[in-house]
Amino acid sequence: MLGVRYRSGTGKERNERLPSQRSAVNVALSCSVLAATMHGMWSHFFQSFNWRNLMSLRKTSLSIAAALLGLAATGPMARAAYIVTVQQVGSDVVANGSGTINTSALTLVGSATNVAILNPGNPGAGLAFFGPASGTYSDEYSGFTSGATDFGSASGVDATSGSGDIVGVAGLSDLIVPNGYVSGAPLSDTSTWAGETYSSLGLTGGPGTYTWEWGTGDSFDYFVMVVESAPVPEPASLGLIGIGSLGLLARRRRA
């Protein structure tokens, strides 16, 4: 039995701009203001040139450049959340994930053997584990500040194949990472549910974005699951109409 399948929690789905996107807008605005300031300083310099102004302007420009570098290095954009994309590929459901996870604001609550599984409606703790399809020992952390408790109806289907790192969430209860995982280390995985659809897995059809967040300041991080839109199959009636039209054309040519 999986170690976290029956944990409970509360939360809600988040379909909004990611923190990194919000940060990108703020940084872009800051850069625009700084660029305008430097443009004004250079214009004033050329209007009243002297060597003292040149040295003063040089120091100011270096200070601004250092500030920009510091902003880029320490801002939220520097964080690399873990993002997994779920797609309907032909007759299979395929998930691919990659990124890093900062566990400094989380609490290690135990370890258990887990497998890649989708159980979107598991009572109080929808499961979305990705990676190996065989039992893999993993660590469980708690400490989410927001996220989804479920994202569909109960099904509980293990992946038919998978590889890479075991990573996932159980509602607002647990974050699953490889046993002995070092905070900030790169992670990646892939999982396949052969012969399955969003419907058969109980997964709410895409597009949809589910985000789990934790920590504040430098310890802030998040896990994102993106469910892409399922391809719309061509209705069988359209195929029959196409075949009929070809038959009529062939008859007219013979006549």
Protein backbone atom coordinates (compact mmCIF):
# COMPACT_ATOMS: atom_id res chain seq x y z
CA MET A 1 0.00 0.00 0.00
CA LEU A 2 1.30 3.42 -0.87
CA GLY A 3 2.38 5.54 2.04
CA VAL A 4 0.38 8.67 1.23
CA ARG A 5 -2.76 7.55 -0.58
CA TYR A 6 -5.09 8.32 2.30
CA ARG A 7 -3.75 11.58 3.69
CA SER A 8 -6.15 14.50 3.76
CA GLY A 9 -5.90 18.26 3.26
CA THR A 10 -7.68 21.37 2.02
CA GLY A 11 -7.02 23.75 -0.85
CA LYS A 12 -8.24 24.89 -4.21
CA GLU A 13 -7.24 24.89 -7.84
CA ARG A 14 -5.20 27.88 -8.95
CA ASN A 15 -5.63 29.05 -12.54
CA GLU A 16 -3.64 32.23 -12.48
CA ARG A 17 -0.35 33.73 -13.60
CA LEU A 18 2.61 31.90 -12.05
CA PRO A 19 4.85 33.77 -9.54
CA SER A 20 7.73 33.73 -12.03
CA GLN A 21 5.51 35.42 -14.62
CA ARG A 22 4.42 38.08 -12.13
CA SER A 23 8.08 38.62 -11.23
CA ALA A 24 9.05 38.95 -14.89
CA VAL A 25 6.63 41.87 -15.27
CA ASN A 26 8.03 43.60 -12.18
CA VAL A 27 11.63 43.16 -13.32
CA ALA A 28 10.79 44.44 -16.82
CA LEU A 29 9.23 47.58 -15.34
CA SER A 30 12.24 48.14 -13.07
CA CYS A 31 14.62 47.81 -16.01
CA SER A 32 12.57 50.31 -18.03
CA VAL A 33 12.75 52.88 -15.24
CA LEU A 34 16.51 52.40 -14.83
CA ALA A 35 17.06 52.64 -18.58
CA ALA A 36 15.14 55.92 -18.72
CA THR A 37 17.17 57.27 -15.78
CA MET A 38 20.50 56.42 -17.44
CA HIS A 39 19.34 57.97 -20.72
CA GLY A 40 18.59 61.23 -18.90
CA MET A 41 21.99 61.22 -17.17
CA TRP A 42 23.86 60.70 -20.44
CA SER A 43 21.87 63.51 -22.12
CA HIS A 44 22.75 65.89 -19.30
CA PHE A 45 26.41 64.80 -19.47
CA PHE A 46 26.78 65.64 -23.16
CA GLN A 47 25.16 69.03 -22.62
CA SER A 48 27.65 70.02 -19.90
CA PHE A 49 30.79 67.89 -20.40
CA ASN A 50 33.69 67.92 -17.93
CA TRP A 51 35.92 65.18 -16.51
CA ARG A 52 34.39 65.40 -13.03
CA ASN A 53 30.95 64.67 -14.51
CA LEU A 54 32.45 61.76 -16.45
CA MET A 55 33.86 60.10 -13.32
CA SER A 56 30.64 60.66 -11.38
CA LEU A 57 28.55 59.21 -14.19
CA ARG A 58 30.86 56.21 -14.48
CA LYS A 59 30.41 55.38 -10.77
CA THR A 60 26.64 55.78 -10.99
CA SER A 61 26.40 53.55 -14.08
CA LEU A 62 28.45 50.82 -12.39
CA SER A 63 26.18 50.97 -9.33
CA ILE A 64 23.07 50.60 -11.49
CA ALA A 65 24.62 47.69 -13.41
CA ALA A 66 25.44 45.94 -10.13
CA ALA A 67 21.89 46.47 -8.91
CA LEU A 68 20.47 44.93 -12.09
CA LEU A 69 22.74 41.90 -11.77
CA GLY A 70 21.71 41.45 -8.15
CA LEU A 71 18.03 41.69 -9.08
CA ALA A 72 18.42 39.03 -11.75
CA ALA A 73 20.32 36.69 -9.44
CA THR A 74 18.09 36.94 -6.36
CA GLY A 75 14.62 37.60 -7.79
CA PRO A 76 11.95 34.89 -8.03
CA MET A 77 12.79 34.41 -11.71
CA ALA A 78 15.99 32.68 -10.60
CA ARG A 79 13.91 29.91 -9.00
CA ALA A 80 13.18 26.85 -11.11
CA ALA A 81 9.92 25.28 -9.96
CA TYR A 82 9.07 21.70 -10.80
CA ILE A 83 6.68 21.62 -13.77
CA VAL A 84 4.99 18.51 -15.20
CA THR A 85 2.95 18.51 -18.40
CA VAL A 86 0.21 15.91 -18.96
CA GLN A 87 -0.89 15.19 -22.53
CA GLN A 88 -3.21 12.86 -24.41
CA VAL A 89 -0.90 11.33 -27.05
CA GLY A 90 -2.86 9.06 -29.35
CA SER A 91 -4.41 6.34 -27.21
CA ASP A 92 -2.08 7.03 -24.26
CA VAL A 93 -1.75 9.65 -21.53
CA VAL A 94 1.86 10.82 -21.19
CA ALA A 95 3.42 13.04 -18.51
CA ASN A 96 6.84 14.71 -18.60
CA GLY A 97 8.29 16.69 -15.72
CA SER A 98 11.49 18.58 -14.91
CA GLY A 99 12.84 21.26 -12.62
CA THR A 100 14.11 21.60 -9.06
CA ILE A 101 12.48 21.68 -5.63
CA ASN A 102 13.48 23.81 -2.64
CA THR A 103 12.62 21.82 0.49
CA SER A 104 14.01 24.31 3.04
CA ALA A 105 10.52 25.46 4.09
CA LEU A 106 9.08 21.91 4.18
CA THR A 107 9.10 19.29 6.91
CA LEU A 108 10.22 15.70 6.29
CA VAL A 109 7.39 13.53 7.67
CA GLY A 110 8.44 10.06 6.53
CA SER A 111 9.40 7.75 3.70
CA ALA A 112 7.47 5.14 1.74
CA THR A 113 7.48 3.10 -1.44
CA ASN A 114 5.49 4.81 -4.20
CA VAL A 115 4.84 4.41 -7.93
CA ALA A 116 3.69 6.74 -10.70
CA ILE A 117 -0.08 7.00 -10.27
CA LEU A 118 -2.97 9.29 -11.08
CA ASN A 119 -5.88 9.28 -8.63
CA PRO A 120 -7.31 12.78 -9.10
CA GLY A 121 -10.28 12.29 -6.77
CA ASN A 122 -8.66 10.41 -3.91
CA PRO A 123 -10.72 11.65 -0.91
CA GLY A 124 -9.11 14.81 0.45
CA ALA A 125 -5.80 14.22 -1.32
CA GLY A 126 -5.76 13.79 -5.09
CA LEU A 127 -2.66 11.87 -6.10
CA ALA A 128 -0.38 12.85 -8.96
CA PHE A 129 2.90 10.92 -8.76
CA PHE A 130 5.25 10.76 -11.74
CA GLY A 131 8.35 8.74 -12.58
CA PRO A 132 9.00 4.98 -12.31
CA ALA A 133 6.09 2.57 -12.68
CA SER A 134 7.72 0.14 -10.23
CA GLY A 135 7.89 0.66 -6.46
CA THR A 136 10.43 3.36 -5.63
CA TYR A 137 11.42 4.46 -2.13
CA SER A 138 10.71 8.16 -1.66
CA ASP A 139 10.65 10.90 0.98
CA GLU A 140 7.46 12.71 1.96
CA TYR A 141 7.40 16.39 2.94
CA SER A 142 4.57 18.53 4.31
CA GLY A 143 4.17 22.30 4.45
CA PHE A 144 2.11 23.45 1.45
CA THR A 145 0.59 26.90 1.87
CA SER A 146 -1.84 26.56 -1.06
CA GLY A 147 -2.82 24.10 -3.76
CA ALA A 148 -5.46 21.70 -5.04
CA THR A 149 -6.93 18.91 -2.92
CA ASP A 150 -8.21 17.14 -6.04
CA PHE A 151 -8.39 17.61 -9.80
CA GLY A 152 -10.95 15.07 -10.99
CA SER A 153 -12.76 11.94 -9.85
CA ALA A 154 -11.37 8.89 -8.07
CA SER A 155 -9.74 6.26 -10.28
CA GLY A 156 -6.35 5.18 -8.94
CA VAL A 157 -4.53 3.98 -12.06
CA ASP A 158 -0.82 3.16 -11.91
CA ALA A 159 1.35 4.12 -14.89
CA THR A 160 2.18 1.26 -17.25
CA SER A 161 5.72 2.54 -17.74
CA GLY A 162 7.95 5.31 -16.49
CA SER A 163 11.49 6.38 -15.68
CA GLY A 164 13.49 9.07 -13.93
CA ASP A 165 12.83 10.56 -10.51
CA ILE A 166 9.75 9.85 -8.40
CA VAL A 167 8.07 13.24 -7.85
CA GLY A 168 4.50 14.14 -7.00
CA VAL A 169 1.85 15.61 -4.74
CA ALA A 170 -0.92 14.20 -2.56
CA GLY A 171 -3.46 16.98 -2.25
CA LEU A 172 -2.24 19.48 0.33
CA SER A 173 -0.78 16.72 2.48
CA ASP A 174 2.52 15.70 0.95
CA LEU A 175 5.17 16.46 -1.60
CA ILE A 176 6.96 13.33 -2.86
CA VAL A 177 10.65 13.40 -3.87
CA PRO A 178 13.35 10.73 -4.29
CA ASN A 179 14.69 9.22 -1.07
CA GLY A 180 17.63 11.31 0.17
CA TYR A 181 16.85 14.17 -2.21
CA VAL A 182 19.11 17.22 -1.81
CA SER A 183 17.19 20.51 -1.93
CA GLY A 184 17.67 22.30 -5.26
CA ALA A 185 19.06 19.31 -7.18
CA PRO A 186 17.70 18.82 -10.74
CA LEU A 187 14.81 16.38 -11.24
CA SER A 188 13.20 14.89 -14.33
CA ASP A 189 10.87 12.04 -15.18
CA THR A 190 8.41 10.62 -17.68
CA SER A 191 5.37 8.38 -17.21
CA THR A 192 2.92 6.71 -19.59
CA TRP A 193 -0.58 5.40 -19.01
CA ALA A 194 -1.00 3.17 -22.07
CA GLY A 195 -4.52 2.77 -23.47
CA GLU A 196 -5.93 5.43 -21.13
CA THR A 197 -7.69 8.75 -21.62
CA TYR A 198 -8.32 11.72 -19.33
CA SER A 199 -11.81 10.33 -18.78
CA SER A 200 -10.70 6.80 -17.87
CA LEU A 201 -8.15 8.24 -15.43
CA GLY A 202 -10.76 10.50 -13.86
CA LEU A 203 -8.65 13.53 -14.76
CA THR A 204 -10.48 16.79 -15.38
CA GLY A 205 -9.93 17.50 -19.08
CA GLY A 206 -7.57 20.28 -20.08
CA PRO A 207 -6.58 22.93 -20.43
CA GLY A 208 -5.96 23.30 -16.73
CA THR A 209 -3.13 24.41 -14.47
CA TYR A 210 -2.77 23.26 -10.86
CA THR A 211 -0.20 24.91 -8.60
CA TRP A 212 1.03 23.92 -5.13
CA GLU A 213 3.07 26.55 -3.27
CA TRP A 214 5.13 26.69 -0.08
CA GLY A 215 7.66 28.89 1.70
CA THR A 216 8.28 32.63 1.59
CA GLY A 217 11.15 34.80 0.40
CA ASP A 218 14.21 32.76 -0.55
CA SER A 219 12.48 29.52 0.52
CA PHE A 220 9.45 30.07 -1.74
CA ASP A 221 8.89 27.41 -4.40
CA TYR A 222 6.07 25.66 -6.22
CA PHE A 223 5.00 22.50 -8.07
CA VAL A 224 2.93 22.93 -11.24
CA MET A 225 0.89 20.36 -13.14
CA VAL A 226 -0.30 21.49 -16.57
CA VAL A 227 -3.03 19.38 -18.17
CA GLU A 228 -3.10 20.16 -21.88
CA SER A 229 -6.25 20.09 -23.99
CA ALA A 230 -7.17 16.65 -25.29
CA PRO A 231 -7.14 16.46 -29.10
CA VAL A 232 -10.61 16.58 -30.61
CA PRO A 233 -11.22 13.37 -32.62
CA GLU A 234 -12.74 13.66 -36.07
CA PRO A 235 -16.41 12.62 -35.95
CA ALA A 236 -17.08 9.33 -37.75
CA SER A 237 -19.84 11.02 -39.76
CA LEU A 238 -17.32 13.40 -41.36
CA GLY A 239 -15.27 10.44 -42.52
CA LEU A 240 -18.32 8.81 -44.10
CA ILE A 241 -19.23 12.05 -45.86
CA GLY A 242 -15.72 12.27 -47.27
CA ILE A 243 -15.88 8.69 -48.62
CA GLY A 244 -19.30 9.36 -50.16
CA SER A 245 -18.05 12.50 -51.90
CA LEU A 246 -15.13 10.62 -53.44
CA GLY A 247 -17.56 8.02 -54.78
CA LEU A 248 -19.73 10.67 -56.45
CA LEU A 249 -16.71 12.29 -58.07
CA ALA A 250 -15.57 8.93 -59.47
CA ARG A 251 -19.05 8.29 -60.96
CA ARG A 252 -19.18 11.69 -62.66
CA ARG A 253 -15.77 11.16 -64.22
CA ARG A 254 -16.85 7.82 -65.66
CA ALA A 255 -20.04 9.38 -67.07
